[in-house]
Amino acid sequence: MRQPPEISLLIVADDLLARAGLAALLAGQPDLTVAGQTDCGPPLDALVQAHAPDVLLWDLGWDFGEAENGPLLDCLADFTTRLPVLALLPDGEDAGRVWATGVAGLLPRQVDGGQLAAALAAIAAGLLVIDPRQRVSLAVPVASPPSELLEPLTPREADVLALLADGLTNRAIAHQLAISENTVKFHVQSLLGKLDAQSRTDAVVRATRLGLLIL
């Protein structure tokens, strides 16, 4: 019987004890390898380049939302364009803003090892994972969309937009369209610019209101 491929991941958290706890929680899970642990700083980019992980497991900490977290969200958004990210939140209050960064999964911090391993396997396969308790908090306020596109979409951008609306990650879109992941990132950035959108979610909302998508 064919064995599932092993999934390599990096653990990201500002708290050293949180990183160690997550590593210990996943230690007994089959088909998972923790390639490294770090905070959201320069070492993270170096580790991603050195280990080329399949996914990132990102613990946002217990006090997320209680202080200024714009820089953290910017850092998170930068890496969600590069590989699937599973984010852990203390509660669902800030789920909408975190989801808008393009994460592939969103779970509460009180998740057990089996659920965590299953979610990591799912996002590595190109799926999206959302805890039911956080689903109601995913509405993201957006500004009024333009009455028309700033510039017409190319046929390939329209293809990428349709797959974004289906919730596919960059990696899954690349596989579906038989193009490179870097090409998908280029098209996504172009879509955001043409739709004057701040995130993938915002782009889908604006495209729908412009009649470019039927959901």
N, C-alpha and C. Protein backbone atom coordinates (compact mmCIF):
# COMPACT_ATOMS: atom_id res chain seq x y z
N MET A 1 0.85 -1.19 0.00
CA MET A 1 0.00 0.00 0.00
C MET A 1 0.89 1.25 0.00
N ARG A 2 0.58 2.20 -0.84
CA ARG A 2 1.40 3.40 -0.96
C ARG A 2 1.24 4.28 0.27
N GLN A 3 2.38 4.69 0.86
CA GLN A 3 2.36 5.54 2.03
C GLN A 3 2.22 7.00 1.63
N PRO A 4 1.48 7.81 2.43
CA PRO A 4 1.38 9.23 2.12
C PRO A 4 2.74 9.90 2.27
N PRO A 5 3.01 10.94 1.47
CA PRO A 5 4.30 11.62 1.56
C PRO A 5 4.46 12.32 2.91
N GLU A 6 5.68 12.37 3.38
CA GLU A 6 5.94 13.06 4.64
C GLU A 6 5.86 14.56 4.44
N ILE A 7 5.28 15.25 5.40
CA ILE A 7 5.07 16.70 5.32
C ILE A 7 6.10 17.39 6.20
N SER A 8 6.82 18.32 5.60
CA SER A 8 7.81 19.11 6.34
C SER A 8 7.20 20.45 6.73
N LEU A 9 7.43 20.88 7.97
CA LEU A 9 6.86 22.14 8.42
C LEU A 9 7.81 22.92 9.29
N LEU A 10 7.57 24.22 9.35
CA LEU A 10 8.26 25.10 10.28
C LEU A 10 7.23 25.62 11.28
N ILE A 11 7.63 25.72 12.55
CA ILE A 11 6.77 26.27 13.58
C ILE A 11 7.17 27.71 13.83
N VAL A 12 6.19 28.62 13.76
CA VAL A 12 6.44 30.05 13.95
C VAL A 12 5.63 30.55 15.15
N ALA A 13 6.31 31.15 16.11
CA ALA A 13 5.64 31.74 17.27
C ALA A 13 6.64 32.64 17.97
N ASP A 14 6.17 33.76 18.51
CA ASP A 14 7.06 34.65 19.24
C ASP A 14 7.49 34.04 20.57
N ASP A 15 6.63 33.22 21.15
CA ASP A 15 6.89 32.60 22.44
C ASP A 15 7.68 31.29 22.27
N LEU A 16 8.87 31.24 22.87
CA LEU A 16 9.72 30.05 22.77
C LEU A 16 9.02 28.82 23.34
N LEU A 17 8.29 29.00 24.45
CA LEU A 17 7.60 27.86 25.06
C LEU A 17 6.46 27.37 24.17
N ALA A 18 5.80 28.27 23.47
CA ALA A 18 4.73 27.86 22.55
C ALA A 18 5.31 27.04 21.41
N ARG A 19 6.46 27.45 20.90
CA ARG A 19 7.09 26.69 19.82
C ARG A 19 7.47 25.28 20.30
N ALA A 20 8.06 25.23 21.49
CA ALA A 20 8.46 23.93 22.03
C ALA A 20 7.25 23.04 22.28
N GLY A 21 6.16 23.66 22.77
CA GLY A 21 4.95 22.89 23.05
C GLY A 21 4.34 22.30 21.79
N LEU A 22 4.32 23.08 20.72
CA LEU A 22 3.77 22.59 19.45
C LEU A 22 4.65 21.47 18.88
N ALA A 23 5.95 21.64 18.99
CA ALA A 23 6.86 20.60 18.50
C ALA A 23 6.64 19.30 19.26
N ALA A 24 6.45 19.40 20.58
CA ALA A 24 6.20 18.21 21.40
C ALA A 24 4.86 17.58 21.05
N LEU A 25 3.86 18.43 20.77
CA LEU A 25 2.53 17.94 20.43
C LEU A 25 2.54 17.15 19.13
N LEU A 26 3.41 17.54 18.21
CA LEU A 26 3.45 16.89 16.91
C LEU A 26 4.49 15.76 16.84
N ALA A 27 5.27 15.62 17.89
CA ALA A 27 6.38 14.66 17.86
C ALA A 27 5.91 13.23 17.58
N GLY A 28 4.75 12.85 18.08
CA GLY A 28 4.28 11.48 17.89
C GLY A 28 3.40 11.28 16.67
N GLN A 29 3.23 12.33 15.87
CA GLN A 29 2.35 12.23 14.71
C GLN A 29 3.11 11.67 13.50
N PRO A 30 2.58 10.64 12.85
CA PRO A 30 3.28 10.07 11.69
C PRO A 30 3.23 11.01 10.48
N ASP A 31 4.21 10.87 9.63
CA ASP A 31 4.26 11.58 8.33
C ASP A 31 4.40 13.09 8.48
N LEU A 32 4.90 13.55 9.65
CA LEU A 32 5.16 14.97 9.87
C LEU A 32 6.59 15.14 10.36
N THR A 33 7.28 16.12 9.81
CA THR A 33 8.63 16.43 10.26
C THR A 33 8.74 17.92 10.56
N VAL A 34 9.11 18.27 11.80
CA VAL A 34 9.33 19.66 12.16
C VAL A 34 10.77 20.01 11.76
N ALA A 35 10.90 20.82 10.71
CA ALA A 35 12.22 21.15 10.18
C ALA A 35 12.90 22.27 10.96
N GLY A 36 12.12 23.05 11.70
CA GLY A 36 12.70 24.15 12.45
C GLY A 36 11.66 24.95 13.20
N GLN A 37 12.12 25.82 14.08
CA GLN A 37 11.25 26.67 14.89
C GLN A 37 11.86 28.07 14.94
N THR A 38 11.02 29.10 14.88
CA THR A 38 11.52 30.46 14.93
C THR A 38 10.38 31.43 15.24
N ASP A 39 10.74 32.70 15.42
CA ASP A 39 9.72 33.74 15.55
C ASP A 39 9.54 34.43 14.20
N CYS A 40 8.69 35.44 14.17
CA CYS A 40 8.44 36.16 12.91
C CYS A 40 9.51 37.24 12.73
N GLY A 41 10.69 36.81 12.40
CA GLY A 41 11.80 37.73 12.19
C GLY A 41 12.62 37.28 11.00
N PRO A 42 13.77 37.91 10.77
CA PRO A 42 14.63 37.54 9.64
C PRO A 42 14.98 36.05 9.58
N PRO A 43 15.15 35.36 10.74
CA PRO A 43 15.48 33.92 10.65
C PRO A 43 14.41 33.10 9.94
N LEU A 44 13.15 33.57 9.97
CA LEU A 44 12.07 32.80 9.34
C LEU A 44 12.31 32.69 7.84
N ASP A 45 12.65 33.80 7.21
CA ASP A 45 12.90 33.76 5.77
C ASP A 45 14.07 32.85 5.45
N ALA A 46 15.11 32.90 6.28
CA ALA A 46 16.28 32.06 6.05
C ALA A 46 15.93 30.58 6.19
N LEU A 47 15.10 30.25 7.19
CA LEU A 47 14.70 28.86 7.39
C LEU A 47 13.82 28.35 6.24
N VAL A 48 12.94 29.20 5.75
CA VAL A 48 12.09 28.81 4.62
C VAL A 48 12.94 28.51 3.39
N GLN A 49 13.93 29.35 3.16
CA GLN A 49 14.80 29.11 2.00
C GLN A 49 15.68 27.88 2.19
N ALA A 50 16.13 27.66 3.42
CA ALA A 50 17.05 26.54 3.68
C ALA A 50 16.34 25.19 3.65
N HIS A 51 15.11 25.13 4.20
CA HIS A 51 14.43 23.85 4.37
C HIS A 51 13.31 23.60 3.35
N ALA A 52 12.85 24.68 2.66
CA ALA A 52 11.75 24.55 1.69
C ALA A 52 10.60 23.71 2.27
N PRO A 53 10.02 24.14 3.40
CA PRO A 53 8.95 23.34 4.03
C PRO A 53 7.70 23.31 3.17
N ASP A 54 6.87 22.31 3.44
CA ASP A 54 5.58 22.21 2.73
C ASP A 54 4.57 23.19 3.30
N VAL A 55 4.63 23.42 4.61
CA VAL A 55 3.66 24.29 5.28
C VAL A 55 4.32 25.03 6.44
N LEU A 56 3.66 26.09 6.90
CA LEU A 56 4.04 26.78 8.13
C LEU A 56 2.92 26.61 9.15
N LEU A 57 3.29 26.33 10.39
CA LEU A 57 2.35 26.32 11.51
C LEU A 57 2.64 27.56 12.33
N TRP A 58 1.69 28.51 12.37
CA TRP A 58 1.93 29.84 12.92
C TRP A 58 1.03 30.08 14.13
N ASP A 59 1.62 30.12 15.30
CA ASP A 59 0.88 30.39 16.53
C ASP A 59 0.90 31.89 16.79
N LEU A 60 -0.27 32.52 16.79
CA LEU A 60 -0.35 33.97 16.94
C LEU A 60 -0.34 34.42 18.40
N GLY A 61 -0.37 33.48 19.33
CA GLY A 61 -0.21 33.84 20.74
C GLY A 61 -1.52 34.16 21.44
N TRP A 62 -1.49 34.07 22.77
CA TRP A 62 -2.70 34.31 23.56
C TRP A 62 -3.14 35.77 23.55
N ASP A 63 -2.20 36.70 23.41
CA ASP A 63 -2.56 38.12 23.50
C ASP A 63 -2.79 38.76 22.13
N PHE A 64 -2.92 37.94 21.08
CA PHE A 64 -3.17 38.50 19.76
C PHE A 64 -4.49 39.28 19.80
N GLY A 65 -4.49 40.49 19.26
CA GLY A 65 -5.69 41.32 19.26
C GLY A 65 -5.75 42.29 20.42
N GLU A 66 -4.94 42.06 21.46
CA GLU A 66 -4.94 42.96 22.61
C GLU A 66 -3.96 44.11 22.43
N ALA A 67 -3.07 44.01 21.46
CA ALA A 67 -2.10 45.05 21.19
C ALA A 67 -2.02 45.28 19.69
N GLU A 68 -1.20 46.24 19.28
CA GLU A 68 -1.02 46.53 17.86
C GLU A 68 -0.43 45.31 17.17
N ASN A 69 -1.15 44.76 16.19
CA ASN A 69 -0.66 43.55 15.52
C ASN A 69 -0.55 43.72 14.01
N GLY A 70 -0.57 44.96 13.55
CA GLY A 70 -0.43 45.21 12.12
C GLY A 70 0.85 44.62 11.53
N PRO A 71 2.02 44.85 12.15
CA PRO A 71 3.25 44.27 11.61
C PRO A 71 3.22 42.75 11.53
N LEU A 72 2.60 42.11 12.53
CA LEU A 72 2.50 40.66 12.51
C LEU A 72 1.63 40.19 11.35
N LEU A 73 0.51 40.89 11.12
CA LEU A 73 -0.36 40.53 10.00
C LEU A 73 0.33 40.74 8.66
N ASP A 74 1.14 41.80 8.57
CA ASP A 74 1.90 42.04 7.33
C ASP A 74 2.89 40.92 7.09
N CYS A 75 3.56 40.49 8.16
CA CYS A 75 4.52 39.39 8.04
C CYS A 75 3.80 38.11 7.62
N LEU A 76 2.66 37.86 8.24
CA LEU A 76 1.87 36.67 7.92
C LEU A 76 1.44 36.70 6.46
N ALA A 77 0.94 37.85 6.00
CA ALA A 77 0.48 37.97 4.61
C ALA A 77 1.61 37.74 3.62
N ASP A 78 2.82 38.16 3.98
CA ASP A 78 3.96 37.95 3.09
C ASP A 78 4.22 36.47 2.86
N PHE A 79 4.11 35.67 3.92
CA PHE A 79 4.43 34.25 3.78
C PHE A 79 3.27 33.43 3.22
N THR A 80 2.03 33.92 3.35
CA THR A 80 0.91 33.17 2.78
C THR A 80 0.93 33.18 1.26
N THR A 81 1.66 34.12 0.66
CA THR A 81 1.79 34.13 -0.79
C THR A 81 2.86 33.14 -1.25
N ARG A 82 3.59 32.57 -0.31
CA ARG A 82 4.71 31.70 -0.66
C ARG A 82 4.44 30.23 -0.38
N LEU A 83 3.66 29.93 0.65
CA LEU A 83 3.34 28.54 0.97
C LEU A 83 2.15 28.51 1.92
N PRO A 84 1.48 27.35 2.04
CA PRO A 84 0.30 27.27 2.90
C PRO A 84 0.65 27.51 4.38
N VAL A 85 -0.20 28.27 5.05
CA VAL A 85 0.02 28.60 6.46
C VAL A 85 -1.21 28.19 7.26
N LEU A 86 -0.98 27.46 8.36
CA LEU A 86 -2.04 27.15 9.32
C LEU A 86 -1.84 28.06 10.52
N ALA A 87 -2.79 28.95 10.77
CA ALA A 87 -2.69 29.91 11.86
C ALA A 87 -3.51 29.44 13.07
N LEU A 88 -2.96 29.65 14.25
CA LEU A 88 -3.64 29.32 15.50
C LEU A 88 -3.99 30.61 16.23
N LEU A 89 -5.28 30.76 16.55
CA LEU A 89 -5.79 31.97 17.20
C LEU A 89 -6.32 31.63 18.59
N PRO A 90 -6.23 32.58 19.55
CA PRO A 90 -6.79 32.31 20.87
C PRO A 90 -8.32 32.28 20.87
N ASP A 91 -8.95 33.03 19.98
CA ASP A 91 -10.41 33.01 19.85
C ASP A 91 -10.76 33.48 18.45
N GLY A 92 -12.05 33.55 18.15
CA GLY A 92 -12.47 33.89 16.79
C GLY A 92 -12.67 35.36 16.54
N GLU A 93 -12.39 36.20 17.54
CA GLU A 93 -12.70 37.62 17.41
C GLU A 93 -11.96 38.28 16.25
N ASP A 94 -10.71 37.89 16.03
CA ASP A 94 -9.89 38.48 14.98
C ASP A 94 -9.77 37.56 13.76
N ALA A 95 -10.64 36.57 13.66
CA ALA A 95 -10.52 35.58 12.59
C ALA A 95 -10.60 36.23 11.21
N GLY A 96 -11.46 37.23 11.06
CA GLY A 96 -11.63 37.85 9.75
C GLY A 96 -10.36 38.50 9.24
N ARG A 97 -9.68 39.23 10.12
CA ARG A 97 -8.45 39.91 9.69
C ARG A 97 -7.34 38.91 9.39
N VAL A 98 -7.26 37.84 10.16
CA VAL A 98 -6.23 36.83 9.92
C VAL A 98 -6.54 36.08 8.62
N TRP A 99 -7.81 35.73 8.41
CA TRP A 99 -8.20 35.02 7.18
C TRP A 99 -7.90 35.87 5.95
N ALA A 100 -8.04 37.19 6.07
CA ALA A 100 -7.82 38.08 4.94
C ALA A 100 -6.36 38.11 4.50
N THR A 101 -5.44 37.64 5.33
CA THR A 101 -4.03 37.60 4.93
C THR A 101 -3.75 36.48 3.93
N GLY A 102 -4.71 35.56 3.77
CA GLY A 102 -4.53 34.48 2.81
C GLY A 102 -4.10 33.16 3.43
N VAL A 103 -4.26 33.01 4.76
CA VAL A 103 -3.90 31.74 5.38
C VAL A 103 -4.76 30.62 4.80
N ALA A 104 -4.21 29.41 4.81
CA ALA A 104 -4.93 28.25 4.28
C ALA A 104 -5.71 27.53 5.37
N GLY A 105 -5.40 27.82 6.63
CA GLY A 105 -6.10 27.17 7.73
C GLY A 105 -6.16 28.08 8.93
N LEU A 106 -7.24 27.93 9.72
CA LEU A 106 -7.46 28.76 10.89
C LEU A 106 -8.09 27.90 11.97
N LEU A 107 -7.36 27.68 13.06
CA LEU A 107 -7.83 26.85 14.16
C LEU A 107 -7.60 27.55 15.49
N PRO A 108 -8.35 27.16 16.53
CA PRO A 108 -8.09 27.71 17.87
C PRO A 108 -6.80 27.13 18.45
N ARG A 109 -6.19 27.84 19.36
CA ARG A 109 -4.94 27.38 19.96
C ARG A 109 -5.14 26.12 20.81
N GLN A 110 -6.39 25.87 21.25
CA GLN A 110 -6.65 24.70 22.09
C GLN A 110 -6.89 23.44 21.26
N VAL A 111 -6.16 23.27 20.19
CA VAL A 111 -6.36 22.12 19.31
C VAL A 111 -5.47 20.97 19.78
N ASP A 112 -5.91 19.73 19.56
CA ASP A 112 -5.07 18.60 19.97
C ASP A 112 -4.16 18.16 18.83
N GLY A 113 -3.24 17.25 19.14
CA GLY A 113 -2.23 16.84 18.16
C GLY A 113 -2.81 16.20 16.92
N GLY A 114 -3.82 15.36 17.09
CA GLY A 114 -4.43 14.69 15.95
C GLY A 114 -5.11 15.67 15.01
N GLN A 115 -5.86 16.63 15.57
CA GLN A 115 -6.53 17.63 14.75
C GLN A 115 -5.51 18.51 14.02
N LEU A 116 -4.45 18.84 14.74
CA LEU A 116 -3.40 19.68 14.16
C LEU A 116 -2.72 18.97 12.99
N ALA A 117 -2.40 17.70 13.16
CA ALA A 117 -1.75 16.93 12.11
C ALA A 117 -2.67 16.80 10.89
N ALA A 118 -3.96 16.56 11.13
CA ALA A 118 -4.91 16.43 10.03
C ALA A 118 -5.05 17.74 9.26
N ALA A 119 -5.07 18.86 9.99
CA ALA A 119 -5.19 20.17 9.33
C ALA A 119 -3.95 20.48 8.51
N LEU A 120 -2.78 20.15 9.02
CA LEU A 120 -1.54 20.39 8.28
C LEU A 120 -1.50 19.55 7.00
N ALA A 121 -1.94 18.30 7.09
CA ALA A 121 -2.00 17.45 5.90
C ALA A 121 -2.98 18.01 4.87
N ALA A 122 -4.09 18.54 5.36
CA ALA A 122 -5.10 19.09 4.45
C ALA A 122 -4.59 20.30 3.69
N ILE A 123 -3.96 21.25 4.39
CA ILE A 123 -3.49 22.45 3.68
C ILE A 123 -2.31 22.12 2.78
N ALA A 124 -1.51 21.12 3.16
CA ALA A 124 -0.41 20.70 2.29
C ALA A 124 -0.94 20.12 0.98
N ALA A 125 -2.17 19.57 1.03
CA ALA A 125 -2.80 19.00 -0.17
C ALA A 125 -3.58 20.04 -0.97
N GLY A 126 -3.53 21.30 -0.53
CA GLY A 126 -4.21 22.36 -1.28
C GLY A 126 -5.61 22.68 -0.80
N LEU A 127 -6.02 22.13 0.36
CA LEU A 127 -7.35 22.39 0.90
C LEU A 127 -7.32 23.53 1.90
N LEU A 128 -8.50 24.02 2.24
CA LEU A 128 -8.63 25.05 3.27
C LEU A 128 -9.25 24.43 4.51
N VAL A 129 -8.81 24.90 5.68
CA VAL A 129 -9.29 24.37 6.96
C VAL A 129 -9.75 25.53 7.83
N ILE A 130 -11.01 25.46 8.27
CA ILE A 130 -11.56 26.51 9.14
C ILE A 130 -12.31 25.84 10.28
N ASP A 131 -12.01 26.21 11.50
CA ASP A 131 -12.75 25.69 12.64
C ASP A 131 -14.18 26.25 12.60
N PRO A 132 -15.20 25.40 12.78
CA PRO A 132 -16.59 25.86 12.70
C PRO A 132 -16.91 27.02 13.63
N ARG A 133 -16.25 27.06 14.79
CA ARG A 133 -16.52 28.13 15.75
C ARG A 133 -15.98 29.48 15.28
N GLN A 134 -15.04 29.47 14.36
CA GLN A 134 -14.47 30.71 13.86
C GLN A 134 -15.09 31.14 12.54
N ARG A 135 -15.86 30.25 11.93
CA ARG A 135 -16.41 30.54 10.61
C ARG A 135 -17.31 31.77 10.62
N VAL A 136 -18.05 31.95 11.71
CA VAL A 136 -18.98 33.08 11.77
C VAL A 136 -18.26 34.41 11.89
N SER A 137 -16.96 34.38 12.20
CA SER A 137 -16.21 35.63 12.39
C SER A 137 -15.40 36.02 11.16
N LEU A 138 -15.61 35.34 10.03
CA LEU A 138 -14.74 35.56 8.89
C LEU A 138 -15.16 36.71 8.00
N ALA A 139 -16.28 37.35 8.28
CA ALA A 139 -16.68 38.49 7.46
C ALA A 139 -15.66 39.60 7.62
N VAL A 140 -15.11 40.08 6.50
CA VAL A 140 -14.10 41.12 6.53
C VAL A 140 -14.67 42.41 5.95
N PRO A 141 -14.71 43.50 6.74
CA PRO A 141 -15.22 44.75 6.20
C PRO A 141 -14.34 45.21 5.03
N VAL A 142 -14.97 45.59 3.95
CA VAL A 142 -14.21 46.09 2.80
C VAL A 142 -14.81 47.41 2.34
N ALA A 143 -13.99 48.20 1.69
CA ALA A 143 -14.47 49.46 1.15
C ALA A 143 -15.35 49.19 -0.05
N SER A 144 -16.11 50.22 -0.45
CA SER A 144 -16.98 50.05 -1.62
C SER A 144 -16.14 49.76 -2.84
N PRO A 145 -16.52 48.76 -3.63
CA PRO A 145 -15.72 48.41 -4.80
C PRO A 145 -15.89 49.45 -5.90
N PRO A 146 -14.94 49.55 -6.83
CA PRO A 146 -15.09 50.49 -7.94
C PRO A 146 -16.25 50.05 -8.83
N SER A 147 -16.79 51.00 -9.57
CA SER A 147 -17.92 50.68 -10.45
C SER A 147 -17.47 49.91 -11.67
N GLU A 148 -16.16 49.95 -11.96
CA GLU A 148 -15.62 49.18 -13.07
C GLU A 148 -14.16 48.86 -12.78
N LEU A 149 -13.62 47.92 -13.52
CA LEU A 149 -12.22 47.52 -13.32
C LEU A 149 -11.27 48.65 -13.68
N LEU A 150 -10.17 48.73 -12.93
CA LEU A 150 -9.14 49.70 -13.28
C LEU A 150 -8.50 49.35 -14.61
N GLU A 151 -8.47 48.03 -14.92
CA GLU A 151 -7.90 47.52 -16.17
C GLU A 151 -8.52 46.15 -16.43
N PRO A 152 -8.88 45.81 -17.66
CA PRO A 152 -9.51 44.50 -17.93
C PRO A 152 -8.62 43.33 -17.51
N LEU A 153 -9.25 42.24 -17.08
CA LEU A 153 -8.52 41.04 -16.71
C LEU A 153 -8.12 40.27 -17.97
N THR A 154 -6.96 39.67 -17.92
CA THR A 154 -6.56 38.76 -19.00
C THR A 154 -7.29 37.43 -18.81
N PRO A 155 -7.38 36.60 -19.83
CA PRO A 155 -8.03 35.29 -19.68
C PRO A 155 -7.41 34.46 -18.56
N ARG A 156 -6.08 34.50 -18.42
CA ARG A 156 -5.44 33.72 -17.38
C ARG A 156 -5.76 34.28 -16.00
N GLU A 157 -5.85 35.59 -15.87
CA GLU A 157 -6.23 36.20 -14.58
C GLU A 157 -7.65 35.80 -14.21
N ALA A 158 -8.52 35.71 -15.21
CA ALA A 158 -9.89 35.27 -14.95
C ALA A 158 -9.91 33.84 -14.44
N ASP A 159 -9.05 32.99 -14.99
CA ASP A 159 -8.95 31.61 -14.52
C ASP A 159 -8.48 31.57 -13.06
N VAL A 160 -7.47 32.35 -12.75
CA VAL A 160 -6.93 32.39 -11.39
C VAL A 160 -7.99 32.93 -10.42
N LEU A 161 -8.71 33.95 -10.85
CA LEU A 161 -9.75 34.53 -10.00
C LEU A 161 -10.82 33.49 -9.66
N ALA A 162 -11.24 32.71 -10.65
CA ALA A 162 -12.26 31.68 -10.41
C ALA A 162 -11.78 30.66 -9.39
N LEU A 163 -10.50 30.30 -9.45
CA LEU A 163 -9.96 29.32 -8.51
C LEU A 163 -9.75 29.94 -7.12
N LEU A 164 -9.44 31.23 -7.08
CA LEU A 164 -9.38 31.93 -5.79
C LEU A 164 -10.74 31.87 -5.11
N ALA A 165 -11.79 32.07 -5.89
CA ALA A 165 -13.14 32.03 -5.34
C ALA A 165 -13.50 30.66 -4.80
N ASP A 166 -12.86 29.62 -5.36
CA ASP A 166 -13.08 28.25 -4.86
C ASP A 166 -12.27 27.96 -3.61
N GLY A 167 -11.44 28.93 -3.20
CA GLY A 167 -10.67 28.77 -1.97
C GLY A 167 -9.35 28.05 -2.14
N LEU A 168 -8.87 27.90 -3.37
CA LEU A 168 -7.62 27.18 -3.60
C LEU A 168 -6.41 28.03 -3.21
N THR A 169 -5.38 27.38 -2.71
CA THR A 169 -4.11 28.04 -2.42
C THR A 169 -3.34 28.26 -3.71
N ASN A 170 -2.26 29.05 -3.62
CA ASN A 170 -1.42 29.27 -4.81
C ASN A 170 -0.89 27.96 -5.37
N ARG A 171 -0.48 27.08 -4.49
CA ARG A 171 0.07 25.80 -4.93
C ARG A 171 -0.99 24.99 -5.68
N ALA A 172 -2.21 24.97 -5.15
CA ALA A 172 -3.28 24.20 -5.79
C ALA A 172 -3.67 24.83 -7.14
N ILE A 173 -3.67 26.15 -7.20
CA ILE A 173 -3.99 26.84 -8.46
C ILE A 173 -2.93 26.51 -9.52
N ALA A 174 -1.67 26.53 -9.10
CA ALA A 174 -0.57 26.21 -10.03
C ALA A 174 -0.75 24.81 -10.60
N HIS A 175 -1.11 23.86 -9.73
CA HIS A 175 -1.31 22.49 -10.18
C HIS A 175 -2.50 22.40 -11.13
N GLN A 176 -3.57 23.10 -10.80
CA GLN A 176 -4.80 23.05 -11.61
C GLN A 176 -4.57 23.63 -13.00
N LEU A 177 -3.79 24.71 -13.08
CA LEU A 177 -3.59 25.39 -14.36
C LEU A 177 -2.30 24.98 -15.06
N ALA A 178 -1.54 24.08 -14.42
CA ALA A 178 -0.28 23.61 -15.00
C ALA A 178 0.69 24.76 -15.26
N ILE A 179 0.80 25.66 -14.28
CA ILE A 179 1.75 26.76 -14.35
C ILE A 179 2.55 26.76 -13.06
N SER A 180 3.59 27.58 -12.99
CA SER A 180 4.42 27.61 -11.79
C SER A 180 3.73 28.40 -10.69
N GLU A 181 4.14 28.12 -9.44
CA GLU A 181 3.57 28.85 -8.30
C GLU A 181 3.95 30.32 -8.36
N ASN A 182 5.16 30.64 -8.85
CA ASN A 182 5.56 32.03 -8.99
C ASN A 182 4.68 32.77 -9.99
N THR A 183 4.26 32.08 -11.05
CA THR A 183 3.37 32.69 -12.04
C THR A 183 2.01 32.97 -11.40
N VAL A 184 1.54 32.05 -10.56
CA VAL A 184 0.27 32.27 -9.86
C VAL A 184 0.38 33.51 -8.97
N LYS A 185 1.48 33.64 -8.23
CA LYS A 185 1.68 34.80 -7.36
C LYS A 185 1.64 36.10 -8.16
N PHE A 186 2.25 36.06 -9.35
CA PHE A 186 2.23 37.25 -10.21
C PHE A 186 0.80 37.61 -10.60
N HIS A 187 0.01 36.59 -11.00
CA HIS A 187 -1.37 36.85 -11.41
C HIS A 187 -2.22 37.34 -10.23
N VAL A 188 -1.99 36.78 -9.06
CA VAL A 188 -2.75 37.21 -7.88
C VAL A 188 -2.47 38.67 -7.57
N GLN A 189 -1.19 39.06 -7.60
CA GLN A 189 -0.84 40.46 -7.33
C GLN A 189 -1.45 41.38 -8.38
N SER A 190 -1.46 40.93 -9.64
CA SER A 190 -2.07 41.73 -10.70
C SER A 190 -3.57 41.89 -10.47
N LEU A 191 -4.23 40.79 -10.05
CA LEU A 191 -5.66 40.85 -9.75
C LEU A 191 -5.95 41.83 -8.62
N LEU A 192 -5.15 41.79 -7.57
CA LEU A 192 -5.35 42.70 -6.44
C LEU A 192 -5.26 44.15 -6.91
N GLY A 193 -4.28 44.41 -7.81
CA GLY A 193 -4.13 45.77 -8.31
C GLY A 193 -5.29 46.21 -9.18
N LYS A 194 -5.72 45.35 -10.09
CA LYS A 194 -6.80 45.71 -11.00
C LYS A 194 -8.15 45.86 -10.28
N LEU A 195 -8.34 45.09 -9.21
CA LEU A 195 -9.58 45.16 -8.45
C LEU A 195 -9.49 46.14 -7.29
N ASP A 196 -8.31 46.75 -7.12
CA ASP A 196 -8.06 47.67 -6.00
C ASP A 196 -8.40 46.99 -4.68
N ALA A 197 -7.99 45.73 -4.57
CA ALA A 197 -8.32 44.91 -3.40
C ALA A 197 -7.14 44.82 -2.45
N GLN A 198 -7.45 44.61 -1.17
CA GLN A 198 -6.42 44.54 -0.14
C GLN A 198 -6.01 43.10 0.18
N SER A 199 -6.80 42.13 -0.24
CA SER A 199 -6.52 40.73 0.06
C SER A 199 -7.23 39.85 -0.96
N ARG A 200 -6.95 38.55 -0.89
CA ARG A 200 -7.61 37.60 -1.79
C ARG A 200 -9.12 37.59 -1.55
N THR A 201 -9.51 37.61 -0.26
CA THR A 201 -10.94 37.64 0.08
C THR A 201 -11.60 38.89 -0.47
N ASP A 202 -10.94 40.03 -0.30
CA ASP A 202 -11.45 41.30 -0.80
C ASP A 202 -11.59 41.25 -2.32
N ALA A 203 -10.63 40.62 -3.00
CA ALA A 203 -10.68 40.53 -4.46
C ALA A 203 -11.89 39.74 -4.92
N VAL A 204 -12.17 38.63 -4.24
CA VAL A 204 -13.33 37.81 -4.61
C VAL A 204 -14.63 38.58 -4.38
N VAL A 205 -14.71 39.30 -3.24
CA VAL A 205 -15.91 40.09 -2.95
C VAL A 205 -16.12 41.15 -4.02
N ARG A 206 -15.07 41.88 -4.36
CA ARG A 206 -15.18 42.95 -5.34
C ARG A 206 -15.50 42.40 -6.74
N ALA A 207 -14.88 41.29 -7.09
CA ALA A 207 -15.15 40.69 -8.40
C ALA A 207 -16.60 40.24 -8.51
N THR A 208 -17.13 39.72 -7.41
CA THR A 208 -18.53 39.28 -7.39
C THR A 208 -19.47 40.46 -7.58
N ARG A 209 -19.17 41.55 -6.90
CA ARG A 209 -20.03 42.75 -7.00
C ARG A 209 -19.94 43.39 -8.38
N LEU A 210 -18.81 43.17 -9.05
CA LEU A 210 -18.67 43.69 -10.42
C LEU A 210 -19.24 42.76 -11.47
N GLY A 211 -19.75 41.59 -11.03
CA GLY A 211 -20.32 40.64 -11.95
C GLY A 211 -19.30 39.76 -12.66
N LEU A 212 -18.06 39.75 -12.15
CA LEU A 212 -17.02 38.92 -12.77
C LEU A 212 -17.08 37.49 -12.27
N LEU A 213 -17.75 37.29 -11.14
CA LEU A 213 -17.90 35.96 -10.56
C LEU A 213 -19.35 35.74 -10.17
N ILE A 214 -19.78 34.51 -10.26
CA ILE A 214 -21.11 34.11 -9.78
C ILE A 214 -20.88 33.00 -8.76
N LEU A 215 -21.11 33.30 -7.49
CA LEU A 215 -20.84 32.34 -6.43
C LEU A 215 -22.10 31.57 -6.05
